[in-house]
C-alpha cells in the first residue's frame, strides 16, 4: 500500500500527495533510491523557483536520478495539465444567473466521485462568483458539514451571498432528509449573519437538484428578494 501506483488504484486522486503523483511519472529512482526520493528533491526545486517557466530540462537533469527522458516526461505532463486547466470553464467572476451554470461546471469533476465533496461558492452583491472553495470531503453516504467553516470563509472574502454544492455518489441527486436539515440550518445562520444562502445544488450522474429552483428554499427563507 506504500507504493504510489497501488495507492492510485485504491484512493481518491484528490487525496494522493504530490510526491506520489511525481513518483508515478518518474517510475523509478537511481540504484538504491526510490522514485519518491527524487520526487521530494523535485518538489524542493520547484518551490525554490519564481515561476514554472524556470523549470527546464537543464534544471531537472541536475537532480540525481533524472535524465533527459524523465525531464521531458515531467515537463510534458505539466504542460498538458496547464492546457486542460485553461480549457476548463471558469466560475470565478461569472454572474450567477441559473443553477444550470453551476451544474455544468461541476458535472465532470464530481460525477464519478465515490465520496461526497462539498463546495461553497461565494458571491458579491452583483451576483458575481468571487471564490469557490472545497470545504468538506465525506464518506460514501454523507459529509460532515461545519457551518462555522462556511461562514468564516464568507466573512474573509466579504461575500454577500452563498451557494452550496455537493455530489451524491449514488448518482441520484434527490435530497436526503439530512440534506434538507443541513440546508435549513445554513439558511437560518445565513439570515442571522446577513450572508444568505441562496441555493444548494446537488450534482447527480446526469442531472442536478436545485433547492431554489424546486421552491424548497421558500420553506426556510424567501429568496425572491435576493435573486
C-alpha atoms as a PDB file:
ATOM      1  CA  UNK A   1       0.000   0.000   0.000  1.00  0.00           C
ATOM      2  CA  UNK A   2       3.056   2.257   0.281  1.00  0.00           C
ATOM      3  CA  UNK A   3       3.668   2.117  -3.464  1.00  0.00           C
ATOM      4  CA  UNK A   4       2.260   5.151  -5.312  1.00  0.00           C
ATOM      5  CA  UNK A   5       0.752   3.161  -8.199  1.00  0.00           C
ATOM      6  CA  UNK A   6      -1.096   0.802  -5.841  1.00  0.00           C
ATOM      7  CA  UNK A   7      -2.317   3.769  -3.801  1.00  0.00           C
ATOM      8  CA  UNK A   8      -3.569   5.398  -7.006  1.00  0.00           C
ATOM      9  CA  UNK A   9      -5.844   2.388  -7.600  1.00  0.00           C
ATOM     10  CA  UNK A  10      -7.378   2.419  -4.129  1.00  0.00           C
ATOM     11  CA  UNK A  11      -7.518   6.116  -3.166  1.00  0.00           C
ATOM     12  CA  UNK A  12      -9.412   9.159  -4.443  1.00  0.00           C
ATOM     13  CA  UNK A  13      -6.978  11.009  -6.721  1.00  0.00           C
ATOM     14  CA  UNK A  14      -7.518  14.264  -4.803  1.00  0.00           C
ATOM     15  CA  UNK A  15      -6.088  12.589  -1.705  1.00  0.00           C
ATOM     16  CA  UNK A  16      -2.841  11.436  -3.353  1.00  0.00           C
ATOM     17  CA  UNK A  17       0.192  13.517  -2.412  1.00  0.00           C
ATOM     18  CA  UNK A  18       2.263  15.481  -4.917  1.00  0.00           C
ATOM     19  CA  UNK A  19       5.195  13.225  -4.084  1.00  0.00           C
ATOM     20  CA  UNK A  20       3.248  10.125  -5.093  1.00  0.00           C
ATOM     21  CA  UNK A  21       1.980  11.700  -8.317  1.00  0.00           C
ATOM     22  CA  UNK A  22       5.512  12.620  -9.319  1.00  0.00           C
ATOM     23  CA  UNK A  23       6.806   9.192  -8.332  1.00  0.00           C
ATOM     24  CA  UNK A  24       4.281   7.608 -10.701  1.00  0.00           C
ATOM     25  CA  UNK A  25       5.595   9.782 -13.548  1.00  0.00           C
ATOM     26  CA  UNK A  26       9.223   9.059 -12.678  1.00  0.00           C
ATOM     27  CA  UNK A  27       8.577   5.277 -12.386  1.00  0.00           C
ATOM     28  CA  UNK A  28      11.930   4.524 -10.739  1.00  0.00           C
ATOM     29  CA  UNK A  29      14.878   6.098  -8.973  1.00  0.00           C
ATOM     30  CA  UNK A  30      18.628   5.568  -9.189  1.00  0.00           C
ATOM     31  CA  UNK A  31      20.108   2.407  -7.711  1.00  0.00           C
ATOM     32  CA  UNK A  32      19.332   2.167  -4.021  1.00  0.00           C
ATOM     33  CA  UNK A  33      16.797   5.014  -4.011  1.00  0.00           C
ATOM     34  CA  UNK A  34      13.071   5.172  -4.650  1.00  0.00           C
ATOM     35  CA  UNK A  35      11.223   7.384  -7.097  1.00  0.00           C
ATOM     36  CA  UNK A  36       9.704   9.184  -4.090  1.00  0.00           C
ATOM     37  CA  UNK A  37      13.155  10.376  -3.039  1.00  0.00           C
ATOM     38  CA  UNK A  38      13.629  12.041  -6.421  1.00  0.00           C
ATOM     39  CA  UNK A  39      10.087  13.411  -6.244  1.00  0.00           C
ATOM     40  CA  UNK A  40      10.870  15.166  -2.949  1.00  0.00           C
ATOM     41  CA  UNK A  41      14.003  16.729  -4.461  1.00  0.00           C
ATOM     42  CA  UNK A  42      11.989  17.858  -7.462  1.00  0.00           C
ATOM     43  CA  UNK A  43       9.352  19.498  -5.242  1.00  0.00           C
ATOM     44  CA  UNK A  44      12.098  21.344  -3.343  1.00  0.00           C
ATOM     45  CA  UNK A  45      13.498  22.617  -6.649  1.00  0.00           C
ATOM     46  CA  UNK A  46      10.055  23.727  -7.833  1.00  0.00           C
ATOM     47  CA  UNK A  47       9.347  25.611  -4.583  1.00  0.00           C
ATOM     48  CA  UNK A  48      12.657  27.482  -4.932  1.00  0.00           C
ATOM     49  CA  UNK A  49      11.766  28.842  -8.382  1.00  0.00           C
ATOM     50  CA  UNK A  50       9.945  32.116  -9.020  1.00  0.00           C
ATOM     51  CA  UNK A  51       7.753  30.617 -11.753  1.00  0.00           C
ATOM     52  CA  UNK A  52       7.109  27.300 -13.526  1.00  0.00           C
ATOM     53  CA  UNK A  53       8.801  28.687 -16.663  1.00  0.00           C
ATOM     54  CA  UNK A  54      12.133  28.385 -14.836  1.00  0.00           C
ATOM     55  CA  UNK A  55      11.701  24.609 -14.651  1.00  0.00           C
ATOM     56  CA  UNK A  56      13.765  23.473 -17.653  1.00  0.00           C
ATOM     57  CA  UNK A  57      15.334  20.237 -18.847  1.00  0.00           C
ATOM     58  CA  UNK A  58      18.725  21.572 -17.750  1.00  0.00           C
ATOM     59  CA  UNK A  59      17.434  22.317 -14.228  1.00  0.00           C
ATOM     60  CA  UNK A  60      15.694  18.971 -13.908  1.00  0.00           C
ATOM     61  CA  UNK A  61      18.672  16.913 -15.018  1.00  0.00           C
ATOM     62  CA  UNK A  62      20.736  18.458 -12.211  1.00  0.00           C
ATOM     63  CA  UNK A  63      18.768  16.233  -9.837  1.00  0.00           C
ATOM     64  CA  UNK A  64      20.335  12.818  -9.332  1.00  0.00           C
ATOM     65  CA  UNK A  65      18.157  10.181 -10.992  1.00  0.00           C
ATOM     66  CA  UNK A  66      16.519  12.480 -13.544  1.00  0.00           C
ATOM     67  CA  UNK A  67      17.833  12.096 -17.051  1.00  0.00           C
ATOM     68  CA  UNK A  68      16.616  13.744 -20.224  1.00  0.00           C
ATOM     69  CA  UNK A  69      13.747  11.258 -20.758  1.00  0.00           C
ATOM     70  CA  UNK A  70      12.355  11.748 -17.238  1.00  0.00           C
ATOM     71  CA  UNK A  71      12.767  15.519 -17.539  1.00  0.00           C
ATOM     72  CA  UNK A  72      10.792  15.565 -20.807  1.00  0.00           C
ATOM     73  CA  UNK A  73       8.062  13.386 -19.244  1.00  0.00           C
ATOM     74  CA  UNK A  74       7.677  15.773 -16.301  1.00  0.00           C
ATOM     75  CA  UNK A  75       7.571  18.916 -18.445  1.00  0.00           C
ATOM     76  CA  UNK A  76       5.118  17.315 -20.882  1.00  0.00           C
ATOM     77  CA  UNK A  77       2.809  16.335 -18.002  1.00  0.00           C
ATOM     78  CA  UNK A  78       2.938  19.875 -16.573  1.00  0.00           C
ATOM     79  CA  UNK A  79       2.170  21.431 -19.950  1.00  0.00           C
ATOM     80  CA  UNK A  80      -0.708  19.040 -20.590  1.00  0.00           C
ATOM     81  CA  UNK A  81      -2.204  19.787 -17.166  1.00  0.00           C
ATOM     82  CA  UNK A  82      -1.884  23.513 -17.778  1.00  0.00           C
ATOM     83  CA  UNK A  83      -3.664  23.282 -21.134  1.00  0.00           C
ATOM     84  CA  UNK A  84      -6.508  21.195 -19.680  1.00  0.00           C
ATOM     85  CA  UNK A  85      -6.927  23.631 -16.780  1.00  0.00           C
ATOM     86  CA  UNK A  86      -7.047  26.627 -19.117  1.00  0.00           C
ATOM     87  CA  UNK A  87      -9.638  24.877 -21.280  1.00  0.00           C
ATOM     88  CA  UNK A  88     -11.951  24.214 -18.320  1.00  0.00           C
ATOM     89  CA  UNK A  89     -14.716  26.808 -17.925  1.00  0.00           C
ATOM     90  CA  UNK A  90     -14.212  29.187 -15.030  1.00  0.00           C
ATOM     91  CA  UNK A  91     -16.750  30.133 -12.401  1.00  0.00           C
ATOM     92  CA  UNK A  92     -14.824  32.998 -10.879  1.00  0.00           C
ATOM     93  CA  UNK A  93     -16.231  36.405 -11.924  1.00  0.00           C
ATOM     94  CA  UNK A  94     -19.185  34.751 -13.661  1.00  0.00           C
ATOM     95  CA  UNK A  95     -22.574  36.210 -12.844  1.00  0.00           C
ATOM     96  CA  UNK A  96     -24.833  33.588 -11.288  1.00  0.00           C
ATOM     97  CA  UNK A  97     -27.962  33.512 -13.439  1.00  0.00           C
ATOM     98  CA  UNK A  98     -29.062  29.884 -13.099  1.00  0.00           C
ATOM     99  CA  UNK A  99     -28.213  26.688 -11.261  1.00  0.00           C
ATOM    100  CA  UNK A 100     -27.524  25.056 -14.643  1.00  0.00           C
ATOM    101  CA  UNK A 101     -24.280  27.054 -14.910  1.00  0.00           C
ATOM    102  CA  UNK A 102     -23.047  25.580 -11.645  1.00  0.00           C
ATOM    103  CA  UNK A 103     -24.093  22.061 -12.658  1.00  0.00           C
ATOM    104  CA  UNK A 104     -22.262  22.261 -15.995  1.00  0.00           C
ATOM    105  CA  UNK A 105     -19.114  23.392 -14.207  1.00  0.00           C
ATOM    106  CA  UNK A 106     -19.070  20.672 -11.549  1.00  0.00           C
ATOM    107  CA  UNK A 107     -20.547  17.760 -13.512  1.00  0.00           C
ATOM    108  CA  UNK A 108     -17.297  16.445 -14.978  1.00  0.00           C
ATOM    109  CA  UNK A 109     -15.447  16.960 -11.697  1.00  0.00           C
ATOM    110  CA  UNK A 110     -17.902  15.292  -9.337  1.00  0.00           C
ATOM    111  CA  UNK A 111     -19.981  12.793 -11.296  1.00  0.00           C
ATOM    112  CA  UNK A 112     -17.662   9.808 -10.741  1.00  0.00           C
ATOM    113  CA  UNK A 113     -16.544  10.582  -7.188  1.00  0.00           C
ATOM    114  CA  UNK A 114     -17.055   7.806  -4.632  1.00  0.00           C
ATOM    115  CA  UNK A 115     -17.305  10.255  -1.734  1.00  0.00           C
ATOM    116  CA  UNK A 116     -19.317  13.401  -1.164  1.00  0.00           C
ATOM    117  CA  UNK A 117     -17.484  16.625  -1.986  1.00  0.00           C
ATOM    118  CA  UNK A 118     -18.972  19.783  -0.516  1.00  0.00           C
ATOM    119  CA  UNK A 119     -18.127  23.115  -2.159  1.00  0.00           C
ATOM    120  CA  UNK A 120     -19.201  26.662  -1.405  1.00  0.00           C
ATOM    121  CA  UNK A 121     -19.448  29.460  -3.921  1.00  0.00           C
ATOM    122  CA  UNK A 122     -19.165  32.992  -2.587  1.00  0.00           C
ATOM    123  CA  UNK A 123     -20.847  35.839  -4.461  1.00  0.00           C
ATOM    124  CA  UNK A 124     -20.643  39.626  -4.296  1.00  0.00           C
ATOM    125  CA  UNK A 125     -23.622  41.988  -4.292  1.00  0.00           C
ATOM    126  CA  UNK A 126     -23.803  41.841  -8.101  1.00  0.00           C
ATOM    127  CA  UNK A 127     -24.167  38.039  -8.014  1.00  0.00           C
ATOM    128  CA  UNK A 128     -20.665  37.540  -9.362  1.00  0.00           C
ATOM    129  CA  UNK A 129     -18.867  34.457  -8.071  1.00  0.00           C
ATOM    130  CA  UNK A 130     -15.789  35.757  -6.294  1.00  0.00           C
ATOM    131  CA  UNK A 131     -14.500  32.461  -4.919  1.00  0.00           C
ATOM    132  CA  UNK A 132     -15.120  28.723  -4.879  1.00  0.00           C
ATOM    133  CA  UNK A 133     -13.791  26.522  -2.115  1.00  0.00           C
ATOM    134  CA  UNK A 134     -13.826  22.807  -1.366  1.00  0.00           C
ATOM    135  CA  UNK A 135     -14.647  22.658   2.333  1.00  0.00           C
ATOM    136  CA  UNK A 136     -15.506  19.057   3.162  1.00  0.00           C
ATOM    137  CA  UNK A 137     -14.918  15.552   1.820  1.00  0.00           C
ATOM    138  CA  UNK A 138     -17.133  12.882   3.338  1.00  0.00           C
ATOM    139  CA  UNK A 139     -17.862   9.190   3.267  1.00  0.00           C
ATOM    140  CA  UNK A 140     -19.813   7.357   0.594  1.00  0.00           C
ATOM    141  CA  UNK A 141     -23.032   8.404   2.374  1.00  0.00           C
ATOM    142  CA  UNK A 142     -22.529  11.931   3.662  1.00  0.00           C
ATOM    143  CA  UNK A 143     -20.044  14.625   4.564  1.00  0.00           C
ATOM    144  CA  UNK A 144     -19.797  16.299   7.936  1.00  0.00           C
ATOM    145  CA  UNK A 145     -20.744  19.926   7.420  1.00  0.00           C
ATOM    146  CA  UNK A 146     -19.444  22.574   9.807  1.00  0.00           C
ATOM    147  CA  UNK A 147     -21.340  25.867   9.283  1.00  0.00           C
ATOM    148  CA  UNK A 148     -18.593  27.854  11.014  1.00  0.00           C
ATOM    149  CA  UNK A 149     -16.158  26.963   8.203  1.00  0.00           C
ATOM    150  CA  UNK A 150     -18.676  28.003   5.547  1.00  0.00           C
ATOM    151  CA  UNK A 151     -19.392  31.395   7.080  1.00  0.00           C
ATOM    152  CA  UNK A 152     -15.823  32.062   8.206  1.00  0.00           C
ATOM    153  CA  UNK A 153     -14.737  31.924   4.575  1.00  0.00           C
ATOM    154  CA  UNK A 154     -17.699  34.124   3.575  1.00  0.00           C
ATOM    155  CA  UNK A 155     -16.521  36.802   6.015  1.00  0.00           C
ATOM    156  CA  UNK A 156     -12.922  36.555   4.824  1.00  0.00           C
ATOM    157  CA  UNK A 157     -13.883  37.260   1.196  1.00  0.00           C
ATOM    158  CA  UNK A 158     -16.648  39.763   2.090  1.00  0.00           C
ATOM    159  CA  UNK A 159     -19.285  37.657   0.333  1.00  0.00           C
ATOM    160  CA  UNK A 160     -22.854  38.935   0.055  1.00  0.00           C
ATOM    161  CA  UNK A 161     -24.444  35.543  -0.611  1.00  0.00           C
ATOM    162  CA  UNK A 162     -23.504  31.845  -0.679  1.00  0.00           C
ATOM    163  CA  UNK A 163     -24.321  28.834  -2.868  1.00  0.00           C
ATOM    164  CA  UNK A 164     -23.569  25.314  -1.604  1.00  0.00           C
ATOM    165  CA  UNK A 165     -22.781  22.467  -3.985  1.00  0.00           C
ATOM    166  CA  UNK A 166     -22.250  18.784  -3.300  1.00  0.00           C
ATOM    167  CA  UNK A 167     -22.492  15.487  -5.148  1.00  0.00           C
ATOM    168  CA  UNK A 168     -24.332  12.244  -4.466  1.00  0.00           C
ATOM    169  CA  UNK A 169     -22.022   9.292  -5.260  1.00  0.00           C
ATOM    170  CA  UNK A 170     -25.128   7.182  -5.984  1.00  0.00           C
ATOM    171  CA  UNK A 171     -25.832   9.394  -9.000  1.00  0.00           C
ATOM    172  CA  UNK A 172     -29.316  10.230  -7.715  1.00  0.00           C
ATOM    173  CA  UNK A 173     -29.495  13.975  -6.924  1.00  0.00           C
ATOM    174  CA  UNK A 174     -32.737  13.842  -4.904  1.00  0.00           C
ATOM    175  CA  UNK A 175     -32.035  15.417  -1.476  1.00  0.00           C
ATOM    176  CA  UNK A 176     -31.954  13.230   1.611  1.00  0.00           C
ATOM    177  CA  UNK A 177     -33.555  14.167   4.915  1.00  0.00           C
ATOM    178  CA  UNK A 178     -30.090  15.217   6.087  1.00  0.00           C
ATOM    179  CA  UNK A 179     -29.673  17.463   3.030  1.00  0.00           C
ATOM    180  CA  UNK A 180     -32.896  19.280   3.948  1.00  0.00           C
ATOM    181  CA  UNK A 181     -31.819  19.607   7.575  1.00  0.00           C
ATOM    182  CA  UNK A 182     -28.385  20.958   6.676  1.00  0.00           C
ATOM    183  CA  UNK A 183     -29.851  23.415   4.169  1.00  0.00           C
ATOM    184  CA  UNK A 184     -32.379  24.707   6.696  1.00  0.00           C
ATOM    185  CA  UNK A 185     -29.642  25.190   9.272  1.00  0.00           C
ATOM    186  CA  UNK A 186     -27.434  27.078   6.814  1.00  0.00           C
ATOM    187  CA  UNK A 187     -30.330  29.293   5.712  1.00  0.00           C
ATOM    188  CA  UNK A 188     -31.091  30.257   9.323  1.00  0.00           C
ATOM    189  CA  UNK A 189     -27.440  31.001  10.089  1.00  0.00           C
ATOM    190  CA  UNK A 190     -27.157  32.992   6.854  1.00  0.00           C
ATOM    191  CA  UNK A 191     -30.133  35.144   7.832  1.00  0.00           C
ATOM    192  CA  UNK A 192     -28.588  35.791  11.242  1.00  0.00           C
ATOM    193  CA  UNK A 193     -25.156  36.577   9.722  1.00  0.00           C
ATOM    194  CA  UNK A 194     -26.570  38.737   6.931  1.00  0.00           C
ATOM    195  CA  UNK A 195     -24.964  36.448   4.325  1.00  0.00           C
ATOM    196  CA  UNK A 196     -27.901  34.442   2.952  1.00  0.00           C
ATOM    197  CA  UNK A 197     -27.691  31.027   1.353  1.00  0.00           C
ATOM    198  CA  UNK A 198     -29.454  31.431  -1.989  1.00  0.00           C
ATOM    199  CA  UNK A 199     -29.199  27.881  -3.337  1.00  0.00           C
ATOM    200  CA  UNK A 200     -27.963  24.396  -2.547  1.00  0.00           C
ATOM    201  CA  UNK A 201     -27.253  22.330  -5.650  1.00  0.00           C
ATOM    202  CA  UNK A 202     -26.814  18.564  -5.626  1.00  0.00           C
ATOM    203  CA  UNK A 203     -24.880  17.051  -8.540  1.00  0.00           C
ATOM    204  CA  UNK A 204     -26.136  13.719  -9.873  1.00  0.00           C
ATOM    205  CA  UNK A 205     -24.977  11.442 -12.666  1.00  0.00           C
ATOM    206  CA  UNK A 206     -26.935  13.083 -15.476  1.00  0.00           C
ATOM    207  CA  UNK A 207     -28.862  15.887 -13.801  1.00  0.00           C
ATOM    208  CA  UNK A 208     -28.936  18.037 -10.694  1.00  0.00           C
ATOM    209  CA  UNK A 209     -31.270  19.178  -7.948  1.00  0.00           C
ATOM    210  CA  UNK A 210     -31.555  22.846  -7.004  1.00  0.00           C
ATOM    211  CA  UNK A 211     -33.291  23.734  -3.740  1.00  0.00           C
ATOM    212  CA  UNK A 212     -34.094  27.171  -5.129  1.00  0.00           C
ATOM    213  CA  UNK A 213     -35.454  26.006  -8.491  1.00  0.00           C
ATOM    214  CA  UNK A 214     -37.651  23.452  -6.724  1.00  0.00           C
ATOM    215  CA  UNK A 215     -39.010  26.127  -4.346  1.00  0.00           C
ATOM    216  CA  UNK A 216     -37.710  24.263  -1.288  1.00  0.00           C
ATOM    217  CA  UNK A 217     -35.909  27.384  -0.091  1.00  0.00           C
ATOM    218  CA  UNK A 218     -39.242  29.131   0.456  1.00  0.00           C
ATOM    219  CA  UNK A 219     -39.845  26.887   3.447  1.00  0.00           C
ATOM    220  CA  UNK A 220     -36.704  28.308   5.054  1.00  0.00           C
ATOM    221  CA  UNK A 221     -36.353  31.802   3.642  1.00  0.00           C
ATOM    222  CA  UNK A 222     -37.889  33.974   0.910  1.00  0.00           C
ATOM    223  CA  UNK A 223     -35.115  34.121  -1.691  1.00  0.00           C
ATOM    224  CA  UNK A 224     -37.079  36.187  -4.232  1.00  0.00           C
ATOM    225  CA  UNK A 225     -35.795  39.419  -2.748  1.00  0.00           C
ATOM    226  CA  UNK A 226     -32.210  38.211  -3.081  1.00  0.00           C
ATOM    227  CA  UNK A 227     -32.312  36.864  -6.629  1.00  0.00           C
END
